[in-house]
Amino acid sequence: MMATEEEIWSALKPIQDPEIFIGIVDLGLIYKVERDEPNGKVRIEMTLTSPACPLGPIIRTQAHAALTKLPGIKEVQVDLVWIPPWDPRTMASEDAKLQLGLV
């Protein structure tokens, strides 16, 4: 049996943006999770705090690694997207907004 969508989100939650030390889920950087259970595939769409983020490859690698550890997942695809542009005022959780000084 393949990991549920909830388990996928939970696996991504501890991954932090290494520059601001807030989780990528709380920041709202994960836009979409798609599961293809019969084939054991997971695809996520995510963005970064900035297109010029020098640590983007590290964050993508951490997301990929976290998901490949889950049960039933045979293939992981992590796509970087830039639309819509990330906006912490509307996409981040309330806790992340507080840590960023936006509330």
C-alpha atoms as a PDB file:
ATOM      1  CA  MET A   1       0.000   0.000   0.000  1.00  0.00           C
ATOM      2  CA  MET A   2       1.280   3.437  -0.939  1.00  0.00           C
ATOM      3  CA  ALA A   3       1.697   6.349   1.455  1.00  0.00           C
ATOM      4  CA  THR A   4      -1.355   8.576   1.740  1.00  0.00           C
ATOM      5  CA  GLU A   5      -1.387  12.226   0.753  1.00  0.00           C
ATOM      6  CA  GLU A   6      -1.402  13.117   4.439  1.00  0.00           C
ATOM      7  CA  GLU A   7       1.725  10.997   5.011  1.00  0.00           C
ATOM      8  CA  ILE A   8       3.412  12.715   2.070  1.00  0.00           C
ATOM      9  CA  TRP A   9       2.664  16.174   3.505  1.00  0.00           C
ATOM     10  CA  SER A  10       3.893  14.995   6.916  1.00  0.00           C
ATOM     11  CA  ALA A  11       7.168  13.765   5.406  1.00  0.00           C
ATOM     12  CA  LEU A  12       7.750  17.167   3.783  1.00  0.00           C
ATOM     13  CA  LYS A  13       6.873  19.198   6.884  1.00  0.00           C
ATOM     14  CA  PRO A  14      10.268  18.886   8.693  1.00  0.00           C
ATOM     15  CA  ILE A  15      12.239  20.127   5.674  1.00  0.00           C
ATOM     16  CA  GLN A  16      13.350  23.688   6.305  1.00  0.00           C
ATOM     17  CA  ASP A  17      14.429  26.471   4.042  1.00  0.00           C
ATOM     18  CA  PRO A  18      18.102  26.592   5.088  1.00  0.00           C
ATOM     19  CA  GLU A  19      18.286  30.382   4.864  1.00  0.00           C
ATOM     20  CA  ILE A  20      15.317  31.273   7.053  1.00  0.00           C
ATOM     21  CA  PHE A  21      14.913  28.043   9.069  1.00  0.00           C
ATOM     22  CA  ILE A  22      11.172  27.668   8.531  1.00  0.00           C
ATOM     23  CA  GLY A  23       9.600  24.530   7.085  1.00  0.00           C
ATOM     24  CA  ILE A  24       8.781  24.471   3.377  1.00  0.00           C
ATOM     25  CA  VAL A  25       5.225  23.288   4.091  1.00  0.00           C
ATOM     26  CA  ASP A  26       4.615  26.109   6.587  1.00  0.00           C
ATOM     27  CA  LEU A  27       6.076  28.604   4.142  1.00  0.00           C
ATOM     28  CA  GLY A  28       3.575  27.452   1.512  1.00  0.00           C
ATOM     29  CA  LEU A  29       6.308  26.378  -0.909  1.00  0.00           C
ATOM     30  CA  ILE A  30       4.582  23.075  -1.741  1.00  0.00           C
ATOM     31  CA  TYR A  31       1.856  23.830  -4.267  1.00  0.00           C
ATOM     32  CA  LYS A  32       0.633  20.382  -5.273  1.00  0.00           C
ATOM     33  CA  VAL A  33       0.957  16.698  -4.395  1.00  0.00           C
ATOM     34  CA  GLU A  34      -0.126  14.084  -6.934  1.00  0.00           C
ATOM     35  CA  ARG A  35      -0.195  10.348  -6.215  1.00  0.00           C
ATOM     36  CA  ASP A  36      -0.284   7.609  -8.843  1.00  0.00           C
ATOM     37  CA  GLU A  37      -0.915   4.689  -6.522  1.00  0.00           C
ATOM     38  CA  PRO A  38      -1.008   1.852  -9.072  1.00  0.00           C
ATOM     39  CA  ASN A  39       2.479   2.815 -10.282  1.00  0.00           C
ATOM     40  CA  GLY A  40       3.934   3.985  -6.946  1.00  0.00           C
ATOM     41  CA  LYS A  41       4.677   7.459  -8.297  1.00  0.00           C
ATOM     42  CA  VAL A  42       4.494  10.793  -6.507  1.00  0.00           C
ATOM     43  CA  ARG A  43       4.842  14.178  -8.155  1.00  0.00           C
ATOM     44  CA  ILE A  44       5.049  17.427  -6.243  1.00  0.00           C
ATOM     45  CA  GLU A  45       5.062  20.981  -7.492  1.00  0.00           C
ATOM     46  CA  MET A  46       6.974  23.374  -5.339  1.00  0.00           C
ATOM     47  CA  THR A  47       8.518  26.777  -5.532  1.00  0.00           C
ATOM     48  CA  LEU A  48      11.279  28.582  -3.700  1.00  0.00           C
ATOM     49  CA  THR A  49      11.286  31.856  -1.815  1.00  0.00           C
ATOM     50  CA  SER A  50      13.098  33.351  -4.806  1.00  0.00           C
ATOM     51  CA  PRO A  51      14.025  32.106  -8.292  1.00  0.00           C
ATOM     52  CA  ALA A  52      17.649  32.973  -7.479  1.00  0.00           C
ATOM     53  CA  CYS A  53      17.684  30.867  -4.286  1.00  0.00           C
ATOM     54  CA  PRO A  54      21.152  29.290  -4.224  1.00  0.00           C
ATOM     55  CA  LEU A  55      19.975  26.460  -1.972  1.00  0.00           C
ATOM     56  CA  GLY A  56      17.109  25.346  -4.217  1.00  0.00           C
ATOM     57  CA  PRO A  57      18.869  22.141  -5.316  1.00  0.00           C
ATOM     58  CA  ILE A  58      19.393  21.168  -1.674  1.00  0.00           C
ATOM     59  CA  ILE A  59      15.716  21.699  -0.822  1.00  0.00           C
ATOM     60  CA  ARG A  60      14.615  19.657  -3.867  1.00  0.00           C
ATOM     61  CA  THR A  61      17.001  16.846  -2.929  1.00  0.00           C
ATOM     62  CA  GLN A  62      15.720  16.812   0.654  1.00  0.00           C
ATOM     63  CA  ALA A  63      12.101  16.640  -0.553  1.00  0.00           C
ATOM     64  CA  HIS A  64      12.942  13.814  -2.946  1.00  0.00           C
ATOM     65  CA  ALA A  65      14.799  11.879  -0.243  1.00  0.00           C
ATOM     66  CA  ALA A  66      12.001  12.299   2.305  1.00  0.00           C
ATOM     67  CA  LEU A  67       9.412  10.910  -0.090  1.00  0.00           C
ATOM     68  CA  THR A  68      11.439   7.948  -1.341  1.00  0.00           C
ATOM     69  CA  LYS A  69      11.513   6.642   2.251  1.00  0.00           C
ATOM     70  CA  LEU A  70       7.734   6.329   2.393  1.00  0.00           C
ATOM     71  CA  PRO A  71       6.006   2.979   1.858  1.00  0.00           C
ATOM     72  CA  GLY A  72       4.972   2.044  -1.661  1.00  0.00           C
ATOM     73  CA  ILE A  73       6.677   4.991  -3.349  1.00  0.00           C
ATOM     74  CA  LYS A  74       8.885   3.829  -6.192  1.00  0.00           C
ATOM     75  CA  GLU A  75       9.381   7.071  -8.088  1.00  0.00           C
ATOM     76  CA  VAL A  76       9.404  10.720  -7.004  1.00  0.00           C
ATOM     77  CA  GLN A  77       9.301  13.744  -9.274  1.00  0.00           C
ATOM     78  CA  VAL A  78       9.909  17.191  -7.773  1.00  0.00           C
ATOM     79  CA  ASP A  79       9.045  19.996 -10.174  1.00  0.00           C
ATOM     80  CA  LEU A  80       9.972  23.610  -9.498  1.00  0.00           C
ATOM     81  CA  VAL A  81       7.307  26.059 -10.604  1.00  0.00           C
ATOM     82  CA  TRP A  82       7.207  29.836 -10.489  1.00  0.00           C
ATOM     83  CA  ILE A  83       3.516  30.486 -11.122  1.00  0.00           C
ATOM     84  CA  PRO A  84       1.954  31.656  -8.979  1.00  0.00           C
ATOM     85  CA  PRO A  85       4.845  33.609  -7.509  1.00  0.00           C
ATOM     86  CA  TRP A  86       5.378  32.810  -3.838  1.00  0.00           C
ATOM     87  CA  ASP A  87       3.908  35.390  -1.501  1.00  0.00           C
ATOM     88  CA  PRO A  88       4.344  34.725   2.218  1.00  0.00           C
ATOM     89  CA  ARG A  89       1.478  37.063   3.097  1.00  0.00           C
ATOM     90  CA  THR A  90      -1.032  34.742   1.427  1.00  0.00           C
ATOM     91  CA  MET A  91       0.713  31.350   1.203  1.00  0.00           C
ATOM     92  CA  ALA A  92       2.515  30.886   4.510  1.00  0.00           C
ATOM     93  CA  SER A  93       0.883  29.450   7.615  1.00  0.00           C
ATOM     94  CA  GLU A  94       0.051  31.770  10.503  1.00  0.00           C
ATOM     95  CA  ASP A  95       3.044  30.426  12.462  1.00  0.00           C
ATOM     96  CA  ALA A  96       5.396  31.089   9.540  1.00  0.00           C
ATOM     97  CA  LYS A  97       3.970  34.596   9.105  1.00  0.00           C
ATOM     98  CA  LEU A  98       4.643  35.252  12.771  1.00  0.00           C
ATOM     99  CA  GLN A  99       8.237  34.022  12.443  1.00  0.00           C
ATOM    100  CA  LEU A 100       8.704  36.189   9.354  1.00  0.00           C
ATOM    101  CA  GLY A 101       7.344  39.235  11.179  1.00  0.00           C
ATOM    102  CA  LEU A 102       4.321  39.582   8.899  1.00  0.00           C
ATOM    103  CA  VAL A 103       1.691  39.678  11.661  1.00  0.00           C
END
